[in-house]
Each structure stands twice: as structure tokens, then as C-alpha cells.
Amino acid sequence: MANYDDLKVAVEALTGGNNSVIFDVDGYPSIVVRFDKKQIADLITDGSASTHPAFIVNGVEVPAIYISKYQLRYERESVQSSFQGSSGQRKL
């Protein structure tokens, strides 16, 4: 399996830390975007000051969530990231 440590370092450096790379159970990478915790009022006019439910995981508030930058697909019991490359859709 390829060593993707350099990919993670490069993605984080090029995006100022806004994007990162997480790995599935098989070690395959997915590029993700970090979203810091928000209150409902940050997203909806006249919304409450409570934390938005997306930032509550198993009843615990988390400081950030990570959402895939590219569409994911389920394949052979794992989630695979895909992106438009020069030769079309590619599996990471």
C-alpha cells in the first residue's frame, strides 16, 4: 500500500489547514473539509444560541466536523472517495 503521509502534509499546507486527509480502515485516503463548530444563530437568522446538531456526536459537542470534499461511494464494504481527474473518475 502506498504511503499517503506526504499527501496529508501537502493538502494541509496548500489549504492553510482548511482541508485534510483521513484514511479508511484499509488505509485509503479521502480529502475532507473541516467545519468548525457553529451555533444555530450562525446559520439561521433569529436562530437559537445552541450548538447546531451537526456538531453533537453521541450526545457530546465536538469542536469540528469533517465533510468529504469529493463524492463518496460504497464499494466492497468500504467507502471510497472519488474525484474528477484528467482521465475521469478515479478510485483512491
Protein backbone atom coordinates (compact mmCIF):
# COMPACT_ATOMS: atom_id res chain seq x y z
CA MET A 1 0.00 0.00 0.00
CA ALA A 2 1.23 3.50 -0.79
CA ASN A 3 2.40 5.82 1.96
CA TYR A 4 -0.02 8.75 1.94
CA ASP A 5 1.62 10.77 4.74
CA ASP A 6 3.08 13.20 2.19
CA LEU A 7 -0.39 13.67 0.67
CA LYS A 8 -1.84 14.71 4.04
CA VAL A 9 1.00 17.15 4.69
CA ALA A 10 0.70 18.66 1.19
CA VAL A 11 -3.11 19.03 1.31
CA GLU A 12 -3.00 20.71 4.72
CA ALA A 13 -0.15 23.03 3.69
CA LEU A 14 -1.75 24.07 0.40
CA THR A 15 -5.14 24.81 2.01
CA GLY A 16 -3.91 26.51 5.17
CA GLY A 17 -5.30 23.65 7.21
CA ASN A 18 -8.86 24.01 5.85
CA ASN A 19 -8.63 20.63 4.13
CA SER A 20 -7.11 17.44 5.44
CA VAL A 21 -6.85 13.77 4.61
CA ILE A 22 -8.46 10.97 6.62
CA PHE A 23 -7.97 7.28 5.98
CA ASP A 24 -10.46 4.42 5.86
CA VAL A 25 -9.93 1.08 7.58
CA ASP A 26 -7.97 -0.17 4.54
CA GLY A 27 -5.67 2.87 4.60
CA TYR A 28 -7.15 4.62 1.55
CA PRO A 29 -7.29 8.44 1.73
CA SER A 30 -10.24 10.81 1.45
CA ILE A 31 -9.80 14.57 1.23
CA VAL A 32 -12.08 16.32 3.71
CA VAL A 33 -13.01 19.90 4.61
CA ARG A 34 -13.00 20.99 8.25
CA PHE A 35 -16.03 22.92 9.54
CA ASP A 36 -15.62 24.47 12.98
CA LYS A 37 -18.49 24.25 15.49
CA LYS A 38 -21.36 26.66 14.84
CA GLN A 39 -24.42 27.81 16.72
CA ILE A 40 -27.81 27.68 15.02
CA ALA A 41 -27.83 31.51 15.11
CA ASP A 42 -24.64 31.50 12.99
CA LEU A 43 -26.55 29.77 10.20
CA ILE A 44 -30.17 30.92 10.51
CA THR A 45 -31.46 34.43 11.11
CA ASP A 46 -33.04 34.66 14.58
CA GLY A 47 -31.85 31.12 15.35
CA SER A 48 -31.06 30.00 18.88
CA ALA A 49 -27.66 30.27 20.53
CA SER A 50 -27.46 26.50 20.99
CA THR A 51 -24.92 24.40 19.13
CA HIS A 52 -26.07 23.17 15.72
CA PRO A 53 -26.98 19.44 15.91
CA ALA A 54 -24.36 18.54 13.28
CA PHE A 55 -21.71 19.27 15.92
CA ILE A 56 -23.20 16.94 18.53
CA VAL A 57 -21.96 13.37 18.17
CA ASN A 58 -23.29 10.69 20.53
CA GLY A 59 -24.54 13.45 22.83
CA VAL A 60 -21.17 15.21 23.01
CA GLU A 61 -20.33 18.54 21.34
CA VAL A 62 -17.34 18.28 19.02
CA PRO A 63 -15.14 21.24 18.05
CA ALA A 64 -15.35 20.48 14.32
CA ILE A 65 -16.74 18.07 11.75
CA TYR A 66 -15.07 16.84 8.57
CA ILE A 67 -17.06 16.52 5.34
CA SER A 68 -15.72 14.83 2.23
CA LYS A 69 -14.57 17.25 -0.46
CA TYR A 70 -15.39 14.72 -3.18
CA GLN A 71 -18.33 12.40 -3.65
CA LEU A 72 -18.03 9.13 -1.77
CA ARG A 73 -19.29 5.76 -2.90
CA TYR A 74 -19.80 2.49 -1.10
CA GLU A 75 -17.79 -0.33 -2.62
CA ARG A 76 -17.00 -3.77 -1.24
CA GLU A 77 -17.98 -2.91 2.33
CA SER A 78 -15.96 0.32 2.45
CA VAL A 79 -16.46 3.93 1.44
CA GLN A 80 -14.26 5.12 -1.41
CA SER A 81 -13.51 8.72 -2.34
CA SER A 82 -13.58 9.75 -5.98
CA PHE A 83 -12.60 12.89 -7.84
CA GLN A 84 -12.53 14.19 -11.40
CA GLY A 85 -9.01 13.68 -12.66
CA SER A 86 -7.54 14.06 -16.11
CA SER A 87 -8.76 10.56 -17.03
CA GLY A 88 -12.19 10.87 -15.40
CA GLN A 89 -13.37 9.42 -12.12
CA ARG A 90 -10.69 7.65 -10.16
CA LYS A 91 -10.76 5.47 -7.07
CA LEU A 92 -8.35 6.46 -4.32
